[in-house]
């Protein structure tokens, strides 16, 4: 539904009444997936709940584009998800996909200092297949520990496991060659985006290590 529920809003059952136990973690599978925007929880007769979580996938038909008609193809709210990362010592890579700017240095992806050759990386599945028009790399709050450079590779994945995707990602075509980064800054790249066909996954490389707050791929949905 659009907007917020009202007193006369009609609700349909998502999960019928179930018994609960104290100090317990309950999982309840649903018979079929339903498209919803709001949920209402009924307690019988009263009492307390510690957490409520609904597991599913975002409905990308509800994504609102920006003024240029683009959507953030990586955003967690749109269905983007991290497949793998080689190091998440100080912060998980999934934070790259969160909305808004990071609130502090802990609200981002940060790896440990490398003592060996190479660079750190993470692999992200796009919310939908698409073509990228602009890339944003935000190093908010990272001042002495931001990467020197970053680059992106991308491809269209058809099948395979997380393990096979990790191995193959080393050889994916470049989406953006290595670019210098600055501390505590939103970097916007448009001319630097290389020509590409529709993609489903990206590999985000940071050279050699460090912290990044947010990564955004602004573009348009297209058939893979």
N, C-alpha and C. Protein backbone atom coordinates (compact mmCIF):
# COMPACT_ATOMS: atom_id res chain seq x y z
N UNK A 1 0.84 -1.18 0.00
CA UNK A 1 0.00 0.00 0.00
C UNK A 1 0.88 1.24 0.00
N UNK A 2 0.35 2.35 -0.49
CA UNK A 2 1.05 3.62 -0.45
C UNK A 2 0.66 4.37 0.82
N UNK A 3 1.60 5.12 1.37
CA UNK A 3 1.32 5.87 2.58
C UNK A 3 1.33 4.97 3.81
N UNK A 4 0.69 5.43 4.86
CA UNK A 4 0.65 4.71 6.13
C UNK A 4 -0.74 4.11 6.37
N UNK A 5 -0.80 3.00 7.14
CA UNK A 5 -2.11 2.38 7.43
C UNK A 5 -3.03 3.34 8.17
N UNK A 6 -4.33 3.17 7.93
CA UNK A 6 -5.35 3.97 8.61
C UNK A 6 -6.24 3.04 9.44
N UNK A 7 -7.17 3.65 10.14
CA UNK A 7 -8.06 2.86 10.99
C UNK A 7 -8.91 1.89 10.17
N UNK A 8 -9.22 2.25 8.92
CA UNK A 8 -10.07 1.40 8.09
C UNK A 8 -9.26 0.52 7.13
N UNK A 9 -7.95 0.45 7.32
CA UNK A 9 -7.12 -0.39 6.44
C UNK A 9 -7.50 -1.86 6.60
N UNK A 10 -7.65 -2.55 5.49
CA UNK A 10 -7.97 -3.98 5.51
C UNK A 10 -6.67 -4.78 5.56
N UNK A 11 -6.55 -5.67 6.54
CA UNK A 11 -5.36 -6.51 6.70
C UNK A 11 -5.71 -7.94 6.31
N UNK A 12 -4.75 -8.66 5.73
CA UNK A 12 -4.96 -10.08 5.43
C UNK A 12 -3.98 -10.91 6.27
N UNK A 13 -4.34 -12.16 6.59
CA UNK A 13 -3.45 -12.99 7.42
C UNK A 13 -2.17 -13.34 6.66
N UNK A 14 -1.04 -13.12 7.31
CA UNK A 14 0.25 -13.55 6.77
C UNK A 14 0.71 -14.81 7.48
N UNK A 15 0.49 -14.87 8.78
CA UNK A 15 0.78 -16.04 9.60
C UNK A 15 -0.34 -16.21 10.60
N UNK A 16 -0.98 -17.37 10.59
CA UNK A 16 -2.06 -17.64 11.54
C UNK A 16 -1.50 -17.71 12.96
N UNK A 17 -2.38 -17.70 13.94
CA UNK A 17 -1.99 -17.73 15.34
C UNK A 17 -1.10 -18.94 15.64
N UNK A 18 0.02 -18.70 16.31
CA UNK A 18 0.96 -19.78 16.68
C UNK A 18 1.29 -19.65 18.16
N UNK A 19 1.65 -20.78 18.77
CA UNK A 19 2.04 -20.78 20.18
C UNK A 19 3.50 -20.35 20.32
N UNK A 20 3.79 -19.63 21.40
CA UNK A 20 5.15 -19.18 21.68
C UNK A 20 5.64 -19.73 23.01
N UNK A 21 6.96 -19.84 23.13
CA UNK A 21 7.60 -20.26 24.38
C UNK A 21 8.44 -19.11 24.91
N UNK A 22 8.62 -19.07 26.21
CA UNK A 22 9.43 -18.03 26.81
C UNK A 22 10.90 -18.17 26.48
N UNK A 23 11.59 -17.06 26.38
CA UNK A 23 13.05 -17.03 26.16
C UNK A 23 13.46 -17.94 25.00
N UNK A 24 12.74 -17.85 23.88
CA UNK A 24 12.96 -18.76 22.76
C UNK A 24 13.03 -18.00 21.44
N UNK A 25 13.63 -18.66 20.46
CA UNK A 25 13.75 -18.12 19.10
C UNK A 25 12.85 -18.96 18.20
N UNK A 26 11.84 -18.36 17.63
CA UNK A 26 10.86 -19.10 16.83
C UNK A 26 11.01 -18.76 15.35
N UNK A 27 11.00 -19.80 14.52
CA UNK A 27 10.98 -19.61 13.06
C UNK A 27 9.67 -20.17 12.52
N UNK A 28 9.00 -19.41 11.67
CA UNK A 28 7.72 -19.85 11.10
C UNK A 28 7.73 -19.65 9.59
N UNK A 29 7.93 -20.72 8.82
CA UNK A 29 7.88 -20.58 7.35
C UNK A 29 6.47 -20.28 6.87
N UNK A 30 6.37 -19.56 5.79
CA UNK A 30 5.07 -19.24 5.21
C UNK A 30 4.77 -20.18 4.05
N UNK A 31 3.49 -20.43 3.82
CA UNK A 31 3.09 -21.33 2.75
C UNK A 31 3.42 -20.76 1.38
N UNK A 32 3.33 -19.45 1.25
CA UNK A 32 3.61 -18.81 -0.04
C UNK A 32 4.09 -17.39 0.21
N UNK A 33 4.92 -16.89 -0.69
CA UNK A 33 5.41 -15.52 -0.57
C UNK A 33 4.29 -14.54 -0.92
N UNK A 34 4.20 -13.48 -0.15
CA UNK A 34 3.22 -12.43 -0.39
C UNK A 34 3.93 -11.09 -0.47
N UNK A 35 3.45 -10.24 -1.35
CA UNK A 35 4.00 -8.89 -1.46
C UNK A 35 3.34 -8.01 -0.41
N UNK A 36 4.14 -7.42 0.48
CA UNK A 36 3.60 -6.59 1.56
C UNK A 36 4.45 -5.34 1.72
N UNK A 37 3.83 -4.30 2.27
CA UNK A 37 4.55 -3.07 2.59
C UNK A 37 4.52 -2.78 4.09
N UNK A 38 3.54 -3.33 4.81
CA UNK A 38 3.41 -3.12 6.25
C UNK A 38 2.94 -4.43 6.88
N UNK A 39 3.32 -4.65 8.13
CA UNK A 39 2.81 -5.80 8.88
C UNK A 39 2.25 -5.33 10.22
N UNK A 40 1.26 -6.07 10.69
CA UNK A 40 0.65 -5.79 11.99
C UNK A 40 0.81 -7.04 12.84
N UNK A 41 1.36 -6.90 14.03
CA UNK A 41 1.59 -8.03 14.93
C UNK A 41 0.53 -8.01 16.02
N UNK A 42 -0.15 -9.14 16.20
CA UNK A 42 -1.17 -9.28 17.23
C UNK A 42 -0.65 -10.21 18.33
N UNK A 43 -0.71 -9.78 19.59
CA UNK A 43 -0.30 -10.58 20.74
C UNK A 43 -1.53 -11.02 21.51
N UNK A 44 -1.57 -12.30 21.89
CA UNK A 44 -2.72 -12.85 22.63
C UNK A 44 -2.24 -13.42 23.96
N UNK A 45 -2.70 -12.93 25.10
CA UNK A 45 -3.50 -11.70 25.22
C UNK A 45 -2.62 -10.45 25.28
N UNK A 46 -1.37 -10.61 25.73
CA UNK A 46 -0.45 -9.48 25.90
C UNK A 46 0.95 -10.07 26.10
N UNK A 47 1.90 -9.25 26.50
CA UNK A 47 3.24 -9.76 26.76
C UNK A 47 4.30 -9.03 25.96
N UNK A 48 5.51 -9.61 25.92
CA UNK A 48 6.63 -8.94 25.28
C UNK A 48 7.33 -9.78 24.24
N UNK A 49 7.80 -9.12 23.18
CA UNK A 49 8.63 -9.73 22.15
C UNK A 49 9.96 -9.00 22.11
N UNK A 50 11.05 -9.73 21.96
CA UNK A 50 12.37 -9.10 21.89
C UNK A 50 12.69 -8.64 20.47
N UNK A 51 12.45 -9.48 19.48
CA UNK A 51 12.77 -9.14 18.09
C UNK A 51 11.73 -9.76 17.16
N UNK A 52 11.48 -9.06 16.06
CA UNK A 52 10.64 -9.59 14.98
C UNK A 52 11.38 -9.38 13.67
N UNK A 53 11.58 -10.45 12.93
CA UNK A 53 12.27 -10.35 11.65
C UNK A 53 11.47 -11.07 10.57
N UNK A 54 11.36 -10.44 9.42
CA UNK A 54 10.71 -11.05 8.26
C UNK A 54 11.77 -11.24 7.18
N UNK A 55 12.02 -12.49 6.81
CA UNK A 55 13.05 -12.79 5.82
C UNK A 55 12.42 -12.92 4.44
N UNK A 56 12.99 -12.25 3.48
CA UNK A 56 12.47 -12.31 2.12
C UNK A 56 13.35 -11.51 1.19
N UNK A 57 12.79 -11.09 0.10
CA UNK A 57 13.53 -10.31 -0.89
C UNK A 57 12.76 -9.03 -1.21
N UNK A 58 13.47 -7.92 -1.35
CA UNK A 58 12.79 -6.67 -1.70
C UNK A 58 12.10 -6.78 -3.05
N UNK A 59 10.96 -6.16 -3.17
CA UNK A 59 10.25 -6.10 -4.44
C UNK A 59 10.78 -4.89 -5.21
N UNK A 60 11.58 -5.17 -6.21
CA UNK A 60 12.25 -4.08 -6.93
C UNK A 60 11.29 -3.25 -7.77
N UNK A 61 10.04 -3.69 -7.91
CA UNK A 61 9.06 -2.87 -8.62
C UNK A 61 8.70 -1.63 -7.81
N UNK A 62 9.05 -1.63 -6.54
CA UNK A 62 8.72 -0.49 -5.68
C UNK A 62 9.85 0.54 -5.61
N UNK A 63 10.95 0.28 -6.29
CA UNK A 63 12.10 1.18 -6.22
C UNK A 63 11.79 2.49 -6.92
N UNK A 64 12.06 3.60 -6.25
CA UNK A 64 11.81 4.93 -6.81
C UNK A 64 13.11 5.47 -7.38
N UNK A 65 13.16 5.81 -8.68
CA UNK A 65 14.40 6.34 -9.27
C UNK A 65 14.66 7.77 -8.83
N UNK A 66 15.90 8.24 -9.06
CA UNK A 66 16.23 9.63 -8.77
C UNK A 66 15.76 10.53 -9.90
N UNK A 67 16.13 11.80 -9.85
CA UNK A 67 15.66 12.76 -10.85
C UNK A 67 16.16 12.44 -12.25
N UNK A 68 17.26 11.68 -12.35
CA UNK A 68 17.80 11.31 -13.66
C UNK A 68 17.23 9.97 -14.15
N UNK A 69 16.30 9.40 -13.39
CA UNK A 69 15.72 8.12 -13.77
C UNK A 69 16.60 6.93 -13.43
N UNK A 70 17.60 7.14 -12.57
CA UNK A 70 18.51 6.07 -12.18
C UNK A 70 18.11 5.51 -10.82
N UNK A 71 18.49 4.26 -10.57
CA UNK A 71 18.35 3.68 -9.24
C UNK A 71 19.73 3.21 -8.78
N UNK A 72 19.87 3.07 -7.47
CA UNK A 72 21.11 2.51 -6.93
C UNK A 72 21.02 1.00 -7.06
N UNK A 73 21.74 0.46 -8.02
CA UNK A 73 21.66 -0.97 -8.32
C UNK A 73 22.25 -1.85 -7.23
N UNK A 74 22.99 -1.25 -6.29
CA UNK A 74 23.62 -2.02 -5.22
C UNK A 74 22.90 -1.93 -3.88
N UNK A 75 22.04 -0.97 -3.69
CA UNK A 75 21.46 -0.69 -2.38
C UNK A 75 20.80 -1.92 -1.77
N UNK A 76 21.05 -2.13 -0.48
CA UNK A 76 20.42 -3.25 0.21
C UNK A 76 18.90 -3.11 0.20
N UNK A 77 18.40 -1.88 0.30
CA UNK A 77 16.95 -1.67 0.28
C UNK A 77 16.34 -2.04 -1.07
N UNK A 78 17.15 -2.05 -2.11
CA UNK A 78 16.66 -2.43 -3.44
C UNK A 78 16.89 -3.90 -3.75
N UNK A 79 17.63 -4.61 -2.88
CA UNK A 79 17.86 -6.03 -3.08
C UNK A 79 19.30 -6.41 -3.33
N UNK A 80 20.23 -5.47 -3.29
CA UNK A 80 21.64 -5.80 -3.45
C UNK A 80 22.15 -6.57 -2.24
N UNK A 81 23.16 -7.43 -2.46
CA UNK A 81 23.68 -8.24 -1.35
C UNK A 81 25.14 -8.59 -1.59
N UNK A 82 25.90 -8.66 -0.51
CA UNK A 82 27.31 -9.03 -0.59
C UNK A 82 27.42 -10.55 -0.66
N UNK A 83 28.19 -11.04 -1.63
CA UNK A 83 28.40 -12.47 -1.81
C UNK A 83 29.60 -12.95 -1.01
N UNK A 84 30.68 -12.17 -1.03
CA UNK A 84 31.91 -12.57 -0.34
C UNK A 84 32.80 -11.36 -0.15
N UNK A 85 33.70 -11.47 0.81
CA UNK A 85 34.73 -10.46 1.04
C UNK A 85 35.95 -11.17 1.59
N UNK A 86 37.13 -10.74 1.18
CA UNK A 86 38.33 -11.45 1.64
C UNK A 86 38.72 -11.06 3.06
N UNK A 87 38.26 -9.90 3.54
CA UNK A 87 38.60 -9.48 4.89
C UNK A 87 37.55 -8.49 5.40
N UNK A 88 37.09 -8.69 6.62
CA UNK A 88 36.11 -7.79 7.25
C UNK A 88 36.51 -7.57 8.71
N UNK A 89 37.78 -7.34 8.93
CA UNK A 89 38.33 -7.31 10.29
C UNK A 89 37.67 -6.25 11.17
N UNK A 90 37.47 -5.05 10.64
CA UNK A 90 36.93 -3.96 11.44
C UNK A 90 35.48 -3.61 11.11
N UNK A 91 34.94 -4.15 10.02
CA UNK A 91 33.56 -3.84 9.64
C UNK A 91 33.13 -4.64 8.43
N UNK A 92 31.90 -5.17 8.42
CA UNK A 92 31.43 -6.02 7.32
C UNK A 92 31.18 -5.24 6.04
N UNK A 93 31.42 -5.91 4.92
CA UNK A 93 31.22 -5.28 3.61
C UNK A 93 29.76 -4.94 3.35
N UNK A 94 28.84 -5.63 4.02
CA UNK A 94 27.41 -5.36 3.82
C UNK A 94 27.05 -3.92 4.16
N UNK A 95 27.85 -3.26 4.98
CA UNK A 95 27.55 -1.87 5.34
C UNK A 95 27.73 -0.92 4.16
N UNK A 96 28.46 -1.34 3.15
CA UNK A 96 28.61 -0.52 1.95
C UNK A 96 27.27 -0.23 1.29
N UNK A 97 26.29 -1.12 1.50
CA UNK A 97 25.02 -1.06 0.79
C UNK A 97 23.92 -0.37 1.58
N UNK A 98 24.22 0.11 2.77
CA UNK A 98 23.20 0.70 3.63
C UNK A 98 22.79 2.09 3.15
N UNK A 99 21.60 2.53 3.52
CA UNK A 99 21.15 3.87 3.10
C UNK A 99 21.86 4.98 3.85
N UNK A 100 21.88 6.16 3.26
CA UNK A 100 22.45 7.33 3.91
C UNK A 100 23.96 7.27 4.01
N UNK A 101 24.54 8.32 4.59
CA UNK A 101 25.98 8.33 4.84
C UNK A 101 26.28 7.64 6.17
N UNK A 102 27.48 7.11 6.29
CA UNK A 102 27.86 6.46 7.53
C UNK A 102 27.85 7.43 8.69
N UNK A 103 27.43 6.97 9.86
CA UNK A 103 27.33 7.85 11.02
C UNK A 103 28.67 8.00 11.74
N UNK A 104 29.57 7.03 11.56
CA UNK A 104 30.90 7.09 12.15
C UNK A 104 31.80 6.11 11.41
N UNK A 105 33.04 5.99 11.86
CA UNK A 105 34.00 5.14 11.17
C UNK A 105 33.62 3.66 11.27
N UNK A 106 32.84 3.30 12.29
CA UNK A 106 32.42 1.91 12.42
C UNK A 106 31.29 1.53 11.49
N UNK A 107 30.71 2.51 10.81
CA UNK A 107 29.56 2.27 9.93
C UNK A 107 30.04 2.17 8.48
N UNK A 108 30.89 1.17 8.22
CA UNK A 108 31.42 0.97 6.88
C UNK A 108 32.19 -0.34 6.80
N UNK A 109 32.77 -0.60 5.65
CA UNK A 109 33.60 -1.80 5.45
C UNK A 109 35.05 -1.39 5.69
N UNK A 110 35.71 -2.08 6.62
CA UNK A 110 37.12 -1.78 6.87
C UNK A 110 37.89 -3.08 7.07
N UNK A 111 39.01 -3.19 6.38
CA UNK A 111 39.86 -4.37 6.47
C UNK A 111 41.10 -4.06 7.31
N UNK A 112 41.78 -5.10 7.73
CA UNK A 112 43.01 -4.93 8.48
C UNK A 112 44.14 -4.47 7.55
N UNK A 113 45.22 -4.01 8.14
CA UNK A 113 46.39 -3.65 7.36
C UNK A 113 47.00 -4.91 6.74
N UNK A 114 47.28 -4.84 5.45
CA UNK A 114 47.87 -5.99 4.76
C UNK A 114 49.37 -6.04 5.03
N UNK A 115 49.86 -7.24 5.34
CA UNK A 115 51.30 -7.46 5.52
C UNK A 115 51.87 -8.28 4.37
N UNK A 116 51.05 -8.45 3.32
CA UNK A 116 51.47 -9.25 2.18
C UNK A 116 51.05 -8.54 0.90
N UNK A 117 51.61 -8.92 -0.24
CA UNK A 117 51.23 -8.27 -1.51
C UNK A 117 49.76 -8.48 -1.84
N UNK A 118 49.24 -7.64 -2.72
CA UNK A 118 47.86 -7.80 -3.17
C UNK A 118 46.96 -6.69 -2.67
N UNK A 119 45.66 -6.93 -2.75
CA UNK A 119 44.68 -5.93 -2.33
C UNK A 119 43.45 -6.63 -1.76
N UNK A 120 42.64 -5.88 -1.05
CA UNK A 120 41.40 -6.43 -0.49
C UNK A 120 40.25 -6.21 -1.47
N UNK A 121 39.19 -7.01 -1.32
CA UNK A 121 38.09 -6.98 -2.28
C UNK A 121 36.81 -7.51 -1.65
N UNK A 122 35.69 -7.18 -2.26
CA UNK A 122 34.41 -7.81 -1.94
C UNK A 122 33.61 -7.96 -3.23
N UNK A 123 32.71 -8.93 -3.25
CA UNK A 123 31.88 -9.22 -4.42
C UNK A 123 30.43 -8.98 -4.04
N UNK A 124 29.72 -8.22 -4.88
CA UNK A 124 28.35 -7.81 -4.57
C UNK A 124 27.43 -8.18 -5.72
N UNK A 125 26.28 -8.77 -5.39
CA UNK A 125 25.25 -9.06 -6.39
C UNK A 125 24.32 -7.86 -6.49
N UNK A 126 24.08 -7.39 -7.71
CA UNK A 126 23.18 -6.26 -7.93
C UNK A 126 21.74 -6.66 -7.59
N UNK A 127 20.93 -5.68 -7.26
CA UNK A 127 19.52 -5.93 -7.00
C UNK A 127 18.82 -6.48 -8.23
N UNK A 128 19.17 -5.94 -9.39
CA UNK A 128 18.65 -6.40 -10.67
C UNK A 128 19.75 -6.21 -11.71
N UNK A 129 19.71 -6.99 -12.80
CA UNK A 129 20.68 -6.75 -13.87
C UNK A 129 20.53 -5.32 -14.38
N UNK A 130 21.64 -4.68 -14.66
CA UNK A 130 21.55 -3.30 -15.11
C UNK A 130 22.84 -2.82 -15.73
N UNK A 131 22.81 -1.58 -16.17
CA UNK A 131 23.98 -0.91 -16.72
C UNK A 131 24.26 0.34 -15.89
N UNK A 132 25.51 0.50 -15.54
CA UNK A 132 25.93 1.55 -14.61
C UNK A 132 26.26 2.83 -15.37
N UNK A 133 25.77 3.95 -14.85
CA UNK A 133 26.05 5.25 -15.45
C UNK A 133 26.93 6.12 -14.56
N UNK A 134 26.86 5.88 -13.25
CA UNK A 134 27.66 6.69 -12.32
C UNK A 134 28.01 5.86 -11.10
N UNK A 135 29.22 6.03 -10.60
CA UNK A 135 29.70 5.31 -9.43
C UNK A 135 30.01 6.30 -8.32
N UNK A 136 29.56 5.98 -7.11
CA UNK A 136 29.88 6.80 -5.94
C UNK A 136 30.64 5.95 -4.93
N UNK A 137 31.76 6.47 -4.46
CA UNK A 137 32.55 5.83 -3.41
C UNK A 137 32.68 6.85 -2.28
N UNK A 138 32.14 6.52 -1.12
CA UNK A 138 32.11 7.45 0.01
C UNK A 138 33.06 6.95 1.10
N UNK A 139 34.06 7.75 1.43
CA UNK A 139 35.00 7.41 2.50
C UNK A 139 34.69 8.20 3.78
N UNK A 140 33.43 8.49 4.02
CA UNK A 140 33.03 9.28 5.19
C UNK A 140 33.67 8.74 6.47
N UNK A 141 34.28 9.63 7.25
CA UNK A 141 34.89 9.36 8.55
C UNK A 141 36.22 8.61 8.47
N UNK A 142 36.58 8.09 7.31
CA UNK A 142 37.87 7.41 7.17
C UNK A 142 38.91 8.45 6.75
N UNK A 143 39.86 8.73 7.65
CA UNK A 143 40.83 9.80 7.41
C UNK A 143 42.26 9.28 7.33
N UNK A 144 42.69 8.50 8.27
CA UNK A 144 44.03 7.95 8.21
C UNK A 144 44.04 6.50 7.77
N UNK A 145 42.88 5.98 7.45
CA UNK A 145 42.78 4.55 7.14
C UNK A 145 41.91 4.27 5.92
N UNK A 146 41.83 5.23 5.00
CA UNK A 146 41.09 5.00 3.76
C UNK A 146 42.04 4.38 2.73
N UNK A 147 41.52 3.64 1.72
CA UNK A 147 42.39 3.04 0.71
C UNK A 147 43.06 4.11 -0.15
N UNK A 148 44.20 3.79 -0.69
CA UNK A 148 44.87 4.71 -1.61
C UNK A 148 44.12 4.81 -2.92
N UNK A 149 43.61 3.66 -3.41
CA UNK A 149 42.91 3.61 -4.69
C UNK A 149 41.78 2.58 -4.61
N UNK A 150 40.88 2.65 -5.57
CA UNK A 150 39.85 1.62 -5.71
C UNK A 150 39.59 1.37 -7.19
N UNK A 151 39.08 0.19 -7.49
CA UNK A 151 38.71 -0.16 -8.86
C UNK A 151 37.53 -1.11 -8.81
N UNK A 152 36.84 -1.28 -9.94
CA UNK A 152 35.70 -2.18 -10.01
C UNK A 152 35.79 -3.06 -11.25
N UNK A 153 35.42 -4.32 -11.06
CA UNK A 153 35.23 -5.26 -12.17
C UNK A 153 33.79 -5.72 -12.14
N UNK A 154 33.28 -6.19 -13.28
CA UNK A 154 31.86 -6.57 -13.33
C UNK A 154 31.63 -7.60 -14.41
N UNK A 155 30.53 -8.34 -14.25
CA UNK A 155 30.15 -9.32 -15.26
C UNK A 155 28.68 -9.68 -15.07
N UNK A 156 28.17 -10.48 -15.99
CA UNK A 156 26.82 -11.05 -15.89
C UNK A 156 26.98 -12.52 -15.54
N UNK A 157 26.55 -12.90 -14.35
CA UNK A 157 26.70 -14.27 -13.87
C UNK A 157 25.44 -15.06 -14.16
N UNK A 158 25.61 -16.22 -14.75
CA UNK A 158 24.50 -17.14 -14.99
C UNK A 158 24.81 -18.47 -14.31
N UNK A 159 24.32 -18.63 -13.09
CA UNK A 159 24.57 -19.86 -12.36
C UNK A 159 25.91 -19.83 -11.64
N UNK A 160 26.25 -20.96 -11.02
CA UNK A 160 27.49 -21.07 -10.28
C UNK A 160 27.28 -20.91 -8.79
N UNK A 161 28.32 -21.25 -8.04
CA UNK A 161 28.29 -21.14 -6.58
C UNK A 161 29.10 -19.93 -6.14
N UNK A 162 28.98 -19.60 -4.85
CA UNK A 162 29.77 -18.48 -4.33
C UNK A 162 31.25 -18.74 -4.51
N UNK A 163 31.67 -19.99 -4.32
CA UNK A 163 33.09 -20.33 -4.48
C UNK A 163 33.56 -20.11 -5.91
N UNK A 164 32.76 -20.57 -6.88
CA UNK A 164 33.16 -20.40 -8.28
C UNK A 164 33.14 -18.93 -8.69
N UNK A 165 32.19 -18.17 -8.16
CA UNK A 165 32.13 -16.74 -8.48
C UNK A 165 33.38 -16.02 -7.95
N UNK A 166 33.82 -16.38 -6.75
CA UNK A 166 35.02 -15.77 -6.19
C UNK A 166 36.22 -16.01 -7.09
N UNK A 167 36.38 -17.25 -7.52
CA UNK A 167 37.52 -17.60 -8.37
C UNK A 167 37.47 -16.87 -9.70
N UNK A 168 36.29 -16.85 -10.32
CA UNK A 168 36.15 -16.23 -11.64
C UNK A 168 36.27 -14.70 -11.58
N UNK A 169 35.95 -14.11 -10.43
CA UNK A 169 35.90 -12.65 -10.35
C UNK A 169 37.24 -11.99 -10.62
N UNK A 170 38.33 -12.71 -10.40
CA UNK A 170 39.65 -12.15 -10.66
C UNK A 170 39.84 -11.79 -12.12
N UNK A 171 39.06 -12.45 -12.99
CA UNK A 171 39.24 -12.27 -14.43
C UNK A 171 38.09 -11.49 -15.08
N UNK A 172 37.19 -10.92 -14.28
CA UNK A 172 36.09 -10.14 -14.84
C UNK A 172 36.63 -8.87 -15.51
N UNK A 173 35.91 -8.39 -16.53
CA UNK A 173 36.32 -7.14 -17.19
C UNK A 173 36.23 -5.95 -16.23
N UNK A 174 37.01 -4.93 -16.50
CA UNK A 174 37.00 -3.73 -15.67
C UNK A 174 35.74 -2.90 -15.93
N UNK A 175 35.12 -2.46 -14.86
CA UNK A 175 34.03 -1.49 -14.95
C UNK A 175 34.57 -0.08 -14.72
N UNK A 176 35.59 0.01 -13.87
CA UNK A 176 36.28 1.28 -13.65
C UNK A 176 37.72 0.98 -13.25
N UNK A 177 38.68 1.57 -13.96
CA UNK A 177 40.08 1.39 -13.61
C UNK A 177 40.38 2.07 -12.28
N UNK A 178 41.53 1.75 -11.72
CA UNK A 178 41.90 2.26 -10.39
C UNK A 178 41.87 3.79 -10.35
N UNK A 179 41.24 4.31 -9.31
CA UNK A 179 41.12 5.76 -9.10
C UNK A 179 41.62 6.12 -7.70
N UNK A 180 42.32 7.24 -7.60
CA UNK A 180 42.80 7.70 -6.30
C UNK A 180 41.63 8.13 -5.42
N UNK A 181 41.77 7.87 -4.13
CA UNK A 181 40.74 8.24 -3.17
C UNK A 181 41.25 9.31 -2.21
N UNK A 182 40.30 10.05 -1.64
CA UNK A 182 40.60 11.06 -0.63
C UNK A 182 39.90 10.70 0.67
N UNK A 183 40.38 11.26 1.75
CA UNK A 183 39.77 10.98 3.04
C UNK A 183 38.42 11.67 3.18
N UNK A 184 37.49 11.01 3.87
CA UNK A 184 36.22 11.62 4.28
C UNK A 184 35.57 12.39 3.14
N UNK A 185 35.34 11.70 2.01
CA UNK A 185 34.89 12.40 0.80
C UNK A 185 33.98 11.50 -0.03
N UNK A 186 32.96 12.10 -0.68
CA UNK A 186 32.14 11.38 -1.65
C UNK A 186 32.77 11.56 -3.02
N UNK A 187 33.25 10.47 -3.60
CA UNK A 187 33.85 10.48 -4.93
C UNK A 187 32.78 10.08 -5.94
N UNK A 188 32.62 10.86 -6.98
CA UNK A 188 31.63 10.57 -8.02
C UNK A 188 32.35 10.38 -9.35
N UNK A 189 32.10 9.23 -9.99
CA UNK A 189 32.75 8.89 -11.25
C UNK A 189 31.70 8.63 -12.32
N UNK A 190 31.78 9.34 -13.40
CA UNK A 190 30.86 9.13 -14.52
C UNK A 190 31.64 8.86 -15.81
N UNK A 191 32.54 9.77 -16.15
CA UNK A 191 33.36 9.57 -17.35
C UNK A 191 34.27 8.36 -17.19
N UNK A 192 34.57 7.98 -15.94
CA UNK A 192 35.48 6.86 -15.70
C UNK A 192 34.82 5.50 -15.86
N UNK A 193 33.48 5.46 -15.95
CA UNK A 193 32.77 4.18 -16.13
C UNK A 193 33.03 3.67 -17.55
N UNK A 194 33.56 2.46 -17.64
CA UNK A 194 33.92 1.89 -18.94
C UNK A 194 32.70 1.27 -19.62
N UNK A 195 32.69 1.20 -20.95
CA UNK A 195 31.57 0.59 -21.67
C UNK A 195 31.37 -0.86 -21.22
N UNK A 196 30.11 -1.26 -21.08
CA UNK A 196 29.83 -2.62 -20.61
C UNK A 196 28.42 -3.03 -21.00
N UNK A 197 28.22 -4.33 -21.08
CA UNK A 197 26.89 -4.92 -21.27
C UNK A 197 26.20 -4.99 -19.91
N UNK A 198 24.91 -5.36 -19.88
CA UNK A 198 24.23 -5.52 -18.59
C UNK A 198 25.00 -6.46 -17.66
N UNK A 199 25.07 -6.10 -16.39
CA UNK A 199 25.84 -6.87 -15.40
C UNK A 199 24.93 -7.28 -14.25
N UNK A 200 25.37 -8.32 -13.53
CA UNK A 200 24.64 -8.79 -12.35
C UNK A 200 25.49 -8.74 -11.09
N UNK A 201 26.83 -8.72 -11.24
CA UNK A 201 27.74 -8.75 -10.09
C UNK A 201 28.91 -7.80 -10.32
N UNK A 202 29.43 -7.27 -9.23
CA UNK A 202 30.65 -6.46 -9.30
C UNK A 202 31.64 -6.93 -8.25
N UNK A 203 32.90 -6.73 -8.56
CA UNK A 203 33.98 -6.95 -7.60
C UNK A 203 34.59 -5.59 -7.29
N UNK A 204 34.51 -5.18 -6.03
CA UNK A 204 35.02 -3.89 -5.58
C UNK A 204 36.39 -4.12 -4.97
N UNK A 205 37.41 -3.57 -5.61
CA UNK A 205 38.79 -3.73 -5.15
C UNK A 205 39.26 -2.46 -4.46
N UNK A 206 39.84 -2.60 -3.27
CA UNK A 206 40.49 -1.47 -2.61
C UNK A 206 41.98 -1.78 -2.54
N UNK A 207 42.79 -0.78 -2.83
CA UNK A 207 44.24 -0.97 -2.94
C UNK A 207 44.96 -0.10 -1.91
N UNK A 208 45.74 -0.64 -0.98
CA UNK A 208 45.84 -2.08 -0.75
C UNK A 208 44.81 -2.57 0.27
N UNK A 209 44.33 -1.67 1.15
CA UNK A 209 43.41 -2.05 2.23
C UNK A 209 42.76 -0.79 2.75
N UNK A 210 42.01 -0.90 3.86
CA UNK A 210 41.43 0.30 4.47
C UNK A 210 39.93 0.25 4.62
N UNK A 211 39.33 1.44 4.74
CA UNK A 211 37.91 1.53 5.01
C UNK A 211 37.16 2.40 4.03
N UNK A 212 35.97 1.93 3.64
CA UNK A 212 35.05 2.68 2.77
C UNK A 212 33.68 2.62 3.41
N UNK A 213 32.98 3.74 3.43
CA UNK A 213 31.68 3.81 4.10
C UNK A 213 30.54 3.30 3.22
N UNK A 214 30.44 3.80 1.98
CA UNK A 214 29.34 3.43 1.09
C UNK A 214 29.84 3.29 -0.35
N UNK A 215 29.17 2.39 -1.08
CA UNK A 215 29.42 2.22 -2.52
C UNK A 215 28.07 2.24 -3.21
N UNK A 216 27.93 3.08 -4.22
CA UNK A 216 26.67 3.17 -4.96
C UNK A 216 26.93 3.07 -6.45
N UNK A 217 26.12 2.28 -7.12
CA UNK A 217 26.16 2.18 -8.58
C UNK A 217 24.84 2.71 -9.11
N UNK A 218 24.85 3.92 -9.64
CA UNK A 218 23.64 4.52 -10.19
C UNK A 218 23.51 4.13 -11.66
N UNK A 219 22.36 3.56 -12.01
CA UNK A 219 22.16 3.13 -13.39
C UNK A 219 20.72 2.75 -13.65
N UNK A 220 20.54 1.94 -14.68
CA UNK A 220 19.19 1.57 -15.11
C UNK A 220 19.08 0.05 -15.23
N UNK A 221 17.91 -0.44 -14.88
CA UNK A 221 17.64 -1.88 -14.97
C UNK A 221 17.55 -2.28 -16.43
N UNK A 222 18.12 -3.44 -16.76
CA UNK A 222 18.06 -3.95 -18.12
C UNK A 222 18.04 -5.46 -18.07
N UNK A 223 17.64 -6.09 -19.17
CA UNK A 223 17.61 -7.54 -19.24
C UNK A 223 19.03 -8.07 -19.28
N UNK A 224 19.28 -9.13 -18.50
CA UNK A 224 20.62 -9.71 -18.47
C UNK A 224 20.88 -10.50 -19.74
